[in-house]
């Protein structure tokens, strides 16, 4: 019994309690925000799902952290399989929930899931394993080209699926992980220059009319407040209502009547802003920024290059989603359907985040060549 308790004590001691505490605070804050934003619906289903997935996610994160991240990297092929196959299935049996326009979900009968969310974590594993294997020769073109094709696969797959926002998040993850792996800045300059040259073609022949209209509406939301600018215009009104300290929890004049479109999901930041004001929004930013910085800190203290890449991939995922989501909520970026990590309603998204947290906890726990247990 003493040996068992000793191992539990070792497990607690070796866990990154700062990262865990930050994620607990963020997800708890998120549950409160979801409850407030959905109370007008007369159902607490979204709140219950969010709370359940938060608890389940914490358990999953701790379980994942119990095993060395190197074990997951060794089985990268399983991650590739579990990540890609469900997304590919959405092209055949996927469906689009109300309020969305892309068939990116699978209905399992008792629950619906968005496979592209799980694919993010699987991609972090496979890409980290690939980059670590070729890192000494990463700047040789014959080595870099297959790596770039690996990175382009999820971006193109999700883009074709119609989920432009998630495709953009994958693109950011690829770029940041490539930079961390030591890819020469010359390649990035060449890629950026090519993108700038190709951007007119992309805008006119790849984006559809709806997405082009959302971009145009950014420059004059008031000109079409009943059309493409409606959602962001209402978001501006709600944020203005909140002011510095907000109208009070559960007292947002628009939030409490469902007046913020997708106020429990993509625009949860706006719902928080109306009820808790600038202070509430800043707390959201601080918590997410702290999680990002903690992931970077773990990458610094880890001696293993592949562990560093896992942490960088998780950082890039959280950072990209945070910037894109808040950007579209305050009308700096077009609406492209990106959730706010740990806050937006969505069981699949929250569970995915905690799977990523579990990987970072595993890197922290096994950051040295071996983990020493005093009771062994």
Protein backbone atom coordinates (compact mmCIF):
# COMPACT_ATOMS: atom_id res chain seq x y z
CA UNK A 1 0.00 0.00 0.00
CA UNK A 2 2.84 2.36 0.89
CA UNK A 3 4.52 1.70 -2.45
CA UNK A 4 1.26 2.46 -4.30
CA UNK A 5 0.75 5.72 -2.40
CA UNK A 6 4.36 6.59 -3.07
CA UNK A 7 3.90 6.20 -6.79
CA UNK A 8 0.78 8.40 -6.66
CA UNK A 9 2.80 11.03 -4.81
CA UNK A 10 5.52 10.78 -7.47
CA UNK A 11 2.93 11.15 -10.21
CA UNK A 12 1.54 14.31 -8.63
CA UNK A 13 4.99 15.72 -8.02
CA UNK A 14 6.10 15.17 -11.62
CA UNK A 15 2.92 16.64 -13.16
CA UNK A 16 2.99 20.18 -14.51
CA UNK A 17 0.55 21.56 -11.98
CA UNK A 18 0.73 25.08 -13.42
CA UNK A 19 -0.45 23.96 -16.87
CA UNK A 20 -3.14 21.80 -15.30
CA UNK A 21 -4.37 24.63 -13.08
CA UNK A 22 -4.52 27.09 -16.00
CA UNK A 23 -6.55 24.65 -18.10
CA UNK A 24 -8.90 23.95 -15.19
CA UNK A 25 -9.49 27.67 -14.68
CA UNK A 26 -10.07 28.28 -18.39
CA UNK A 27 -12.48 25.35 -18.82
CA UNK A 28 -14.37 26.26 -15.63
CA UNK A 29 -14.71 29.84 -16.85
CA UNK A 30 -15.87 28.44 -20.18
CA UNK A 31 -18.61 26.33 -18.56
CA UNK A 32 -19.93 29.42 -16.79
CA UNK A 33 -19.90 31.39 -20.04
CA UNK A 34 -21.70 28.64 -21.96
CA UNK A 35 -24.39 28.43 -19.28
CA UNK A 36 -25.00 32.16 -19.48
CA UNK A 37 -25.08 32.23 -23.27
CA UNK A 38 -27.51 29.29 -23.59
CA UNK A 39 -29.93 29.87 -20.71
CA UNK A 40 -32.38 31.54 -23.09
CA UNK A 41 -32.77 28.20 -24.92
CA UNK A 42 -34.53 26.64 -21.94
CA UNK A 43 -32.08 23.74 -21.89
CA UNK A 44 -28.84 23.13 -20.00
CA UNK A 45 -27.69 20.43 -22.40
CA UNK A 46 -24.78 22.45 -23.76
CA UNK A 47 -23.63 23.32 -20.26
CA UNK A 48 -23.86 19.71 -19.07
CA UNK A 49 -21.94 18.47 -22.14
CA UNK A 50 -19.29 21.16 -21.62
CA UNK A 51 -18.87 20.30 -17.93
CA UNK A 52 -18.80 16.55 -18.59
CA UNK A 53 -16.22 16.91 -21.36
CA UNK A 54 -14.09 19.13 -19.12
CA UNK A 55 -13.99 16.44 -16.40
CA UNK A 56 -13.48 13.67 -18.95
CA UNK A 57 -10.78 15.73 -20.64
CA UNK A 58 -8.87 16.23 -17.38
CA UNK A 59 -8.95 12.47 -16.77
CA UNK A 60 -7.79 11.80 -20.34
CA UNK A 61 -4.97 14.35 -20.02
CA UNK A 62 -3.69 12.75 -16.82
CA UNK A 63 -3.92 9.28 -18.34
CA UNK A 64 -2.00 10.34 -21.45
CA UNK A 65 0.66 12.02 -19.33
CA UNK A 66 1.32 8.77 -17.46
CA UNK A 67 3.09 7.40 -20.55
CA UNK A 68 6.16 8.86 -22.19
CA UNK A 69 5.48 10.98 -25.26
CA UNK A 70 8.11 8.91 -27.07
CA UNK A 71 5.71 5.95 -26.96
CA UNK A 72 3.14 7.95 -28.90
CA UNK A 73 5.75 9.06 -31.42
CA UNK A 74 6.82 5.45 -31.99
CA UNK A 75 3.24 4.68 -32.99
CA UNK A 76 2.86 7.64 -35.31
CA UNK A 77 1.22 5.41 -37.92
CA UNK A 78 -1.72 4.78 -35.58
CA UNK A 79 -2.09 8.52 -35.04
CA UNK A 80 -2.07 9.01 -38.83
CA UNK A 81 -4.78 6.37 -39.23
CA UNK A 82 -7.03 7.68 -36.45
CA UNK A 83 -6.55 11.24 -37.64
CA UNK A 84 -7.12 10.93 -41.38
CA UNK A 85 -9.71 8.16 -41.79
CA UNK A 86 -12.59 9.80 -39.83
CA UNK A 87 -12.05 13.08 -41.73
CA UNK A 88 -12.13 11.23 -45.05
CA UNK A 89 -15.37 9.54 -43.96
CA UNK A 90 -17.05 12.95 -43.64
CA UNK A 91 -16.89 13.25 -47.44
CA UNK A 92 -19.21 10.22 -47.67
CA UNK A 93 -21.34 10.14 -44.51
CA UNK A 94 -20.70 13.55 -42.95
CA UNK A 95 -23.43 16.02 -42.09
CA UNK A 96 -23.67 19.75 -41.42
CA UNK A 97 -25.37 20.79 -38.15
CA UNK A 98 -27.74 23.73 -38.14
CA UNK A 99 -25.91 27.00 -38.60
CA UNK A 100 -22.99 25.51 -40.54
CA UNK A 101 -22.40 25.03 -44.25
CA UNK A 102 -19.81 22.25 -44.37
CA UNK A 103 -20.32 18.53 -43.74
CA UNK A 104 -17.52 18.19 -41.22
CA UNK A 105 -19.32 16.13 -38.56
CA UNK A 106 -20.03 12.43 -38.06
CA UNK A 107 -23.16 11.21 -36.31
CA UNK A 108 -22.36 8.19 -34.13
CA UNK A 109 -25.95 7.85 -32.97
CA UNK A 110 -25.41 8.81 -29.34
CA UNK A 111 -23.04 11.67 -30.05
CA UNK A 112 -21.81 13.83 -32.92
CA UNK A 113 -18.10 14.47 -33.43
CA UNK A 114 -15.98 16.72 -35.61
CA UNK A 115 -13.06 14.55 -36.75
CA UNK A 116 -10.93 17.50 -37.84
CA UNK A 117 -10.54 18.43 -34.16
CA UNK A 118 -9.01 15.07 -33.25
CA UNK A 119 -6.90 15.26 -36.40
CA UNK A 120 -5.08 18.27 -34.92
CA UNK A 121 -3.62 16.19 -32.10
CA UNK A 122 -2.85 13.26 -34.38
CA UNK A 123 -1.09 15.64 -36.76
CA UNK A 124 1.06 17.07 -33.96
CA UNK A 125 2.28 13.53 -33.22
CA UNK A 126 2.93 12.49 -36.83
CA UNK A 127 4.52 15.79 -37.87
CA UNK A 128 6.72 15.96 -34.76
CA UNK A 129 7.91 12.40 -35.43
CA UNK A 130 8.63 13.22 -39.09
CA UNK A 131 10.46 16.46 -38.34
CA UNK A 132 12.54 14.88 -35.61
CA UNK A 133 13.58 12.04 -37.91
CA UNK A 134 14.87 14.38 -40.64
CA UNK A 135 15.90 17.40 -38.57
CA UNK A 136 19.68 17.16 -39.26
CA UNK A 137 19.00 17.41 -43.01
CA UNK A 138 15.79 19.43 -42.94
CA UNK A 139 17.09 22.12 -45.32
CA UNK A 140 17.96 19.71 -48.10
CA UNK A 141 15.27 20.10 -50.74
CA UNK A 142 14.80 16.37 -51.26
CA UNK A 143 14.12 16.03 -47.51
CA UNK A 144 12.06 19.18 -47.09
CA UNK A 145 9.70 18.48 -49.98
CA UNK A 146 8.16 15.30 -48.44
CA UNK A 147 7.91 17.15 -45.11
CA UNK A 148 6.00 19.98 -46.80
CA UNK A 149 3.70 17.48 -48.51
CA UNK A 150 3.04 15.92 -45.09
CA UNK A 151 2.17 19.35 -43.72
CA UNK A 152 0.02 20.25 -46.72
CA UNK A 153 -2.09 17.08 -46.49
CA UNK A 154 -4.35 18.11 -43.58
CA UNK A 155 -4.52 21.71 -44.79
CA UNK A 156 -5.76 20.70 -48.24
CA UNK A 157 -8.02 17.93 -46.91
CA UNK A 158 -9.81 20.23 -44.47
CA UNK A 159 -9.94 23.06 -47.01
CA UNK A 160 -11.63 20.82 -49.57
CA UNK A 161 -14.02 19.74 -46.82
CA UNK A 162 -15.09 23.38 -46.62
CA UNK A 163 -13.80 24.23 -43.15
CA UNK A 164 -11.55 27.14 -44.09
CA UNK A 165 -10.97 28.22 -40.51
CA UNK A 166 -9.63 24.87 -39.34
CA UNK A 167 -7.51 24.62 -42.49
CA UNK A 168 -5.95 27.96 -41.56
CA UNK A 169 -5.19 26.69 -38.05
CA UNK A 170 -3.44 23.65 -39.54
CA UNK A 171 -1.43 25.96 -41.81
CA UNK A 172 -0.23 27.98 -38.81
CA UNK A 173 0.72 24.79 -36.99
CA UNK A 174 2.74 23.61 -39.99
CA UNK A 175 4.60 26.92 -40.36
CA UNK A 176 5.45 27.24 -36.66
CA UNK A 177 6.60 23.61 -36.33
CA UNK A 178 8.73 23.92 -39.48
CA UNK A 179 10.36 27.05 -38.09
CA UNK A 180 11.03 25.33 -34.78
CA UNK A 181 12.60 22.38 -36.62
CA UNK A 182 15.17 24.71 -38.14
CA UNK A 183 13.91 25.28 -41.70
CA UNK A 184 15.86 28.13 -43.29
CA UNK A 185 14.20 31.55 -43.40
CA UNK A 186 14.89 31.63 -47.15
CA UNK A 187 12.26 28.96 -47.72
CA UNK A 188 9.72 30.97 -45.74
CA UNK A 189 10.46 34.12 -47.73
CA UNK A 190 10.03 32.20 -50.97
CA UNK A 191 6.78 30.63 -49.77
CA UNK A 192 5.39 33.96 -48.57
CA UNK A 193 6.31 35.67 -51.83
CA UNK A 194 4.58 32.92 -53.80
CA UNK A 195 1.47 33.26 -51.64
CA UNK A 196 1.33 37.04 -52.19
CA UNK A 197 1.63 36.58 -55.96
CA UNK A 198 -1.05 33.88 -55.98
CA UNK A 199 -3.43 35.67 -53.58
CA UNK A 200 -5.55 37.33 -56.33
CA UNK A 201 -6.12 33.94 -57.96
CA UNK A 202 -6.95 32.47 -54.54
CA UNK A 203 -9.41 35.27 -53.78
CA UNK A 204 -11.29 35.22 -57.09
CA UNK A 205 -11.19 31.53 -58.04
CA UNK A 206 -10.82 29.53 -54.81
CA UNK A 207 -12.92 31.38 -52.24
CA UNK A 208 -16.67 31.22 -52.76
CA UNK A 209 -18.99 34.24 -52.93
CA UNK A 210 -19.93 34.01 -49.26
CA UNK A 211 -16.36 34.11 -48.03
CA UNK A 212 -15.48 36.99 -50.35
CA UNK A 213 -18.51 38.89 -49.07
CA UNK A 214 -17.40 38.38 -45.47
CA UNK A 215 -14.00 39.86 -46.26
CA UNK A 216 -15.52 42.86 -48.04
CA UNK A 217 -18.03 43.48 -45.23
CA UNK A 218 -15.18 44.01 -42.75
CA UNK A 219 -14.50 47.40 -44.30
CA UNK A 220 -18.08 48.64 -43.87
CA UNK A 221 -20.19 46.47 -41.57
CA UNK A 222 -22.91 49.10 -41.25
CA UNK A 223 -23.56 48.93 -45.01
CA UNK A 224 -25.01 45.43 -44.72
CA UNK A 225 -26.05 44.90 -41.12
CA UNK A 226 -28.88 42.59 -42.18
CA UNK A 227 -26.64 40.49 -44.41
CA UNK A 228 -23.00 39.47 -44.30
CA UNK A 229 -22.14 42.11 -41.70
CA UNK A 230 -24.98 41.19 -39.32
CA UNK A 231 -23.08 38.86 -36.99
CA UNK A 232 -20.09 41.12 -36.46
CA UNK A 233 -22.27 44.22 -36.20
CA UNK A 234 -24.26 42.60 -33.38
CA UNK A 235 -20.98 41.59 -31.79
CA UNK A 236 -19.85 45.23 -31.80
CA UNK A 237 -23.10 46.30 -30.17
CA UNK A 238 -22.80 43.64 -27.46
CA UNK A 239 -19.18 44.51 -26.69
CA UNK A 240 -20.13 48.20 -26.50
CA UNK A 241 -22.91 47.27 -24.07
CA UNK A 242 -20.35 45.60 -21.83
CA UNK A 243 -18.04 48.57 -21.53
CA UNK A 244 -15.26 48.24 -18.96
CA UNK A 245 -16.85 46.05 -16.28
CA UNK A 246 -19.90 44.61 -18.05
CA UNK A 247 -23.61 44.47 -17.33
CA UNK A 248 -23.19 41.63 -14.85
CA UNK A 249 -23.11 37.84 -15.13
CA UNK A 250 -26.44 36.54 -16.52
CA UNK A 251 -27.52 40.15 -17.17
CA UNK A 252 -26.29 40.87 -20.70
CA UNK A 253 -29.13 42.62 -22.50
CA UNK A 254 -28.41 40.80 -25.79
CA UNK A 255 -26.86 37.65 -24.39
CA UNK A 256 -29.78 36.78 -22.11
CA UNK A 257 -32.24 36.88 -25.03
CA UNK A 258 -30.03 35.04 -27.52
CA UNK A 259 -29.30 38.27 -29.38
CA UNK A 260 -25.67 37.41 -30.09
CA UNK A 261 -25.51 34.98 -33.05
CA UNK A 262 -23.54 31.85 -32.04
CA UNK A 263 -23.02 33.53 -28.68
CA UNK A 264 -22.31 30.19 -27.00
CA UNK A 265 -19.94 28.97 -29.70
CA UNK A 266 -17.80 31.02 -32.11
CA UNK A 267 -18.85 34.31 -30.45
CA UNK A 268 -18.57 33.28 -26.79
CA UNK A 269 -15.94 36.02 -26.39
CA UNK A 270 -18.63 38.59 -27.25
CA UNK A 271 -21.08 37.11 -24.72
CA UNK A 272 -18.38 37.32 -22.05
CA UNK A 273 -17.62 40.90 -23.10
CA UNK A 274 -21.21 42.05 -22.75
CA UNK A 275 -21.71 40.52 -19.31
CA UNK A 276 -18.23 40.92 -17.78
CA UNK A 277 -16.89 43.74 -19.92
CA UNK A 278 -13.32 44.51 -20.86
CA UNK A 279 -12.14 42.97 -17.58
CA UNK A 280 -13.81 39.65 -18.36
CA UNK A 281 -12.36 39.62 -21.87
CA UNK A 282 -8.88 40.40 -20.56
CA UNK A 283 -9.12 37.48 -18.15
CA UNK A 284 -9.87 35.22 -21.12
CA UNK A 285 -6.85 36.56 -23.01
CA UNK A 286 -4.60 36.25 -19.95
CA UNK A 287 -5.60 32.64 -19.30
CA UNK A 288 -5.09 31.57 -22.92
CA UNK A 289 -1.83 33.51 -23.21
CA UNK A 290 -0.61 31.87 -20.01
CA UNK A 291 -1.42 28.42 -21.40
CA UNK A 292 0.50 29.27 -24.58
CA UNK A 293 3.48 30.56 -22.63
CA UNK A 294 3.47 27.51 -20.37
CA UNK A 295 3.57 25.22 -23.41
CA UNK A 296 6.55 27.19 -24.70
CA UNK A 297 8.20 26.92 -21.29
CA UNK A 298 7.83 23.15 -21.31
CA UNK A 299 9.38 23.05 -24.78
CA UNK A 300 12.39 24.95 -23.44
CA UNK A 301 13.04 22.64 -20.48
CA UNK A 302 12.58 19.46 -22.52
CA UNK A 303 15.85 17.86 -23.66
CA UNK A 304 14.21 15.86 -26.43
CA UNK A 305 13.72 17.59 -29.81
CA UNK A 306 10.54 15.70 -30.59
CA UNK A 307 9.11 16.71 -27.21
CA UNK A 308 9.89 20.34 -28.02
CA UNK A 309 8.05 19.99 -31.33
CA UNK A 310 4.97 18.53 -29.62
CA UNK A 311 4.79 21.53 -27.28
CA UNK A 312 5.33 23.95 -30.15
CA UNK A 313 2.56 22.28 -32.15
CA UNK A 314 0.15 22.58 -29.21
CA UNK A 315 1.17 26.21 -28.70
CA UNK A 316 0.57 27.01 -32.37
CA UNK A 317 -2.87 25.37 -32.28
CA UNK A 318 -4.05 27.34 -29.22
CA UNK A 319 -2.45 30.61 -30.35
CA UNK A 320 -3.90 30.44 -33.88
CA UNK A 321 -7.41 29.67 -32.67
CA UNK A 322 -7.26 32.41 -30.03
CA UNK A 323 -6.05 35.10 -32.44
CA UNK A 324 -8.44 34.14 -35.25
CA UNK A 325 -11.48 33.83 -32.98
CA UNK A 326 -10.93 37.07 -31.09
CA UNK A 327 -10.01 38.79 -34.34
CA UNK A 328 -13.34 37.93 -35.92
CA UNK A 329 -15.25 38.80 -32.72
CA UNK A 330 -13.83 42.34 -32.73
CA UNK A 331 -14.20 42.68 -36.53
CA UNK A 332 -10.51 42.61 -37.40
CA UNK A 333 -10.82 39.30 -39.28
CA UNK A 334 -13.66 37.77 -41.32
CA UNK A 335 -15.95 35.17 -39.78
CA UNK A 336 -14.55 31.73 -40.65
CA UNK A 337 -15.97 29.50 -37.94
CA UNK A 338 -13.18 29.07 -35.38
CA UNK A 339 -13.97 28.30 -31.75
CA UNK A 340 -12.27 29.93 -28.76
CA UNK A 341 -10.15 27.27 -26.99
CA UNK A 342 -11.58 26.07 -23.64
CA UNK A 343 -14.46 28.55 -23.83
CA UNK A 344 -16.66 27.86 -26.86
CA UNK A 345 -19.34 25.20 -26.51
CA UNK A 346 -18.34 21.93 -28.13
CA UNK A 347 -17.50 18.60 -26.57
CA UNK A 348 -15.23 17.42 -29.38
CA UNK A 349 -13.22 20.63 -29.30
CA UNK A 350 -12.77 20.59 -25.53
CA UNK A 351 -11.77 16.92 -25.42
CA UNK A 352 -9.26 17.54 -28.21
CA UNK A 353 -7.72 20.41 -26.28
CA UNK A 354 -7.24 18.22 -23.22
CA UNK A 355 -5.70 15.47 -25.33
CA UNK A 356 -3.16 18.09 -26.41
CA UNK A 357 -2.71 19.14 -22.80
CA UNK A 358 -2.03 15.49 -21.96
CA UNK A 359 0.78 15.39 -24.52
CA UNK A 360 2.33 18.56 -23.07
CA UNK A 361 2.03 17.12 -19.55
CA UNK A 362 3.73 13.96 -20.81
CA UNK A 363 6.58 16.01 -22.26
CA UNK A 364 6.98 17.83 -18.95
CA UNK A 365 6.83 14.63 -16.93
CA UNK A 366 9.35 12.82 -19.16
CA UNK A 367 11.34 15.89 -20.20
CA UNK A 368 14.66 14.39 -19.14
CA UNK A 369 16.21 11.23 -20.57
CA UNK A 370 14.43 9.31 -17.84
CA UNK A 371 12.08 10.08 -14.98
CA UNK A 372 13.40 9.08 -11.56
CA UNK A 373 10.95 7.70 -9.04
CA UNK A 374 12.27 7.70 -5.50
CA UNK A 375 10.16 4.72 -4.52
CA UNK A 376 11.43 2.39 -7.27
